[in-house]
Amino acid sequence: MSERVTVVLNQQQRELLDETVERFPGKSREEVLLQALREFCAEQGTSTGPGR
């Protein structure tokens, strides 16, 4: 099961995300955002869904 989420970023957030993506060769914006969400949820003790 896959869910689609739309993330709206302002210019500064997009620039920060792109800088982060540059530090992880081979990763896309989507992959970096998913990793960040997983880490955030782990810290909060919540789940991002099955297989995530």
Protein backbone atom coordinates (compact mmCIF):
# COMPACT_ATOMS: atom_id res chain seq x y z
CA MET A 1 0.00 0.00 0.00
CA SER A 2 1.41 3.34 -1.03
CA GLU A 3 0.22 6.77 -0.06
CA ARG A 4 0.96 10.01 -1.83
CA VAL A 5 1.69 13.15 0.15
CA THR A 6 2.21 16.64 -1.20
CA VAL A 7 4.85 18.69 0.56
CA VAL A 8 4.84 22.43 -0.03
CA LEU A 9 8.17 24.15 0.56
CA ASN A 10 9.11 27.79 0.49
CA GLN A 11 12.27 28.89 -1.34
CA GLN A 12 14.51 28.68 1.74
CA GLN A 13 13.26 25.19 2.63
CA ARG A 14 13.82 24.02 -0.95
CA GLU A 15 17.37 25.36 -0.91
CA LEU A 16 18.08 23.60 2.40
CA LEU A 17 16.63 20.38 1.06
CA ASP A 18 18.71 20.62 -2.11
CA GLU A 19 21.86 21.24 -0.03
CA THR A 20 21.04 18.14 2.01
CA VAL A 21 20.45 16.06 -1.14
CA GLU A 22 23.88 17.11 -2.41
CA ARG A 23 25.45 15.52 0.70
CA PHE A 24 23.85 12.15 -0.09
CA PRO A 25 24.92 11.06 -3.58
CA GLY A 26 22.31 9.00 -5.38
CA LYS A 27 19.45 10.18 -3.17
CA SER A 28 16.52 12.19 -4.47
CA ARG A 29 14.55 14.88 -2.69
CA GLU A 30 11.84 12.29 -2.05
CA GLU A 31 14.26 9.80 -0.50
CA VAL A 32 15.79 12.43 1.76
CA LEU A 33 12.34 13.63 2.88
CA LEU A 34 11.20 10.05 3.59
CA GLN A 35 14.33 9.37 5.62
CA ALA A 36 13.81 12.56 7.62
CA LEU A 37 10.18 11.63 8.30
CA ARG A 38 11.18 8.14 9.42
CA GLU A 39 13.79 9.54 11.79
CA PHE A 40 11.34 12.12 13.15
CA CYS A 41 8.68 9.49 13.75
CA ALA A 42 11.19 7.20 15.45
CA GLU A 43 12.12 10.02 17.83
CA GLN A 44 8.43 10.72 18.50
CA GLY A 45 7.59 7.05 18.99
CA THR A 46 5.12 7.01 16.10
CA SER A 47 4.91 4.91 12.96
CA THR A 48 5.15 5.96 9.32
CA GLY A 49 3.20 2.90 8.23
CA PRO A 50 3.98 -0.66 7.26
CA GLY A 51 7.37 -1.29 5.72
CA ARG A 52 8.58 2.20 6.45
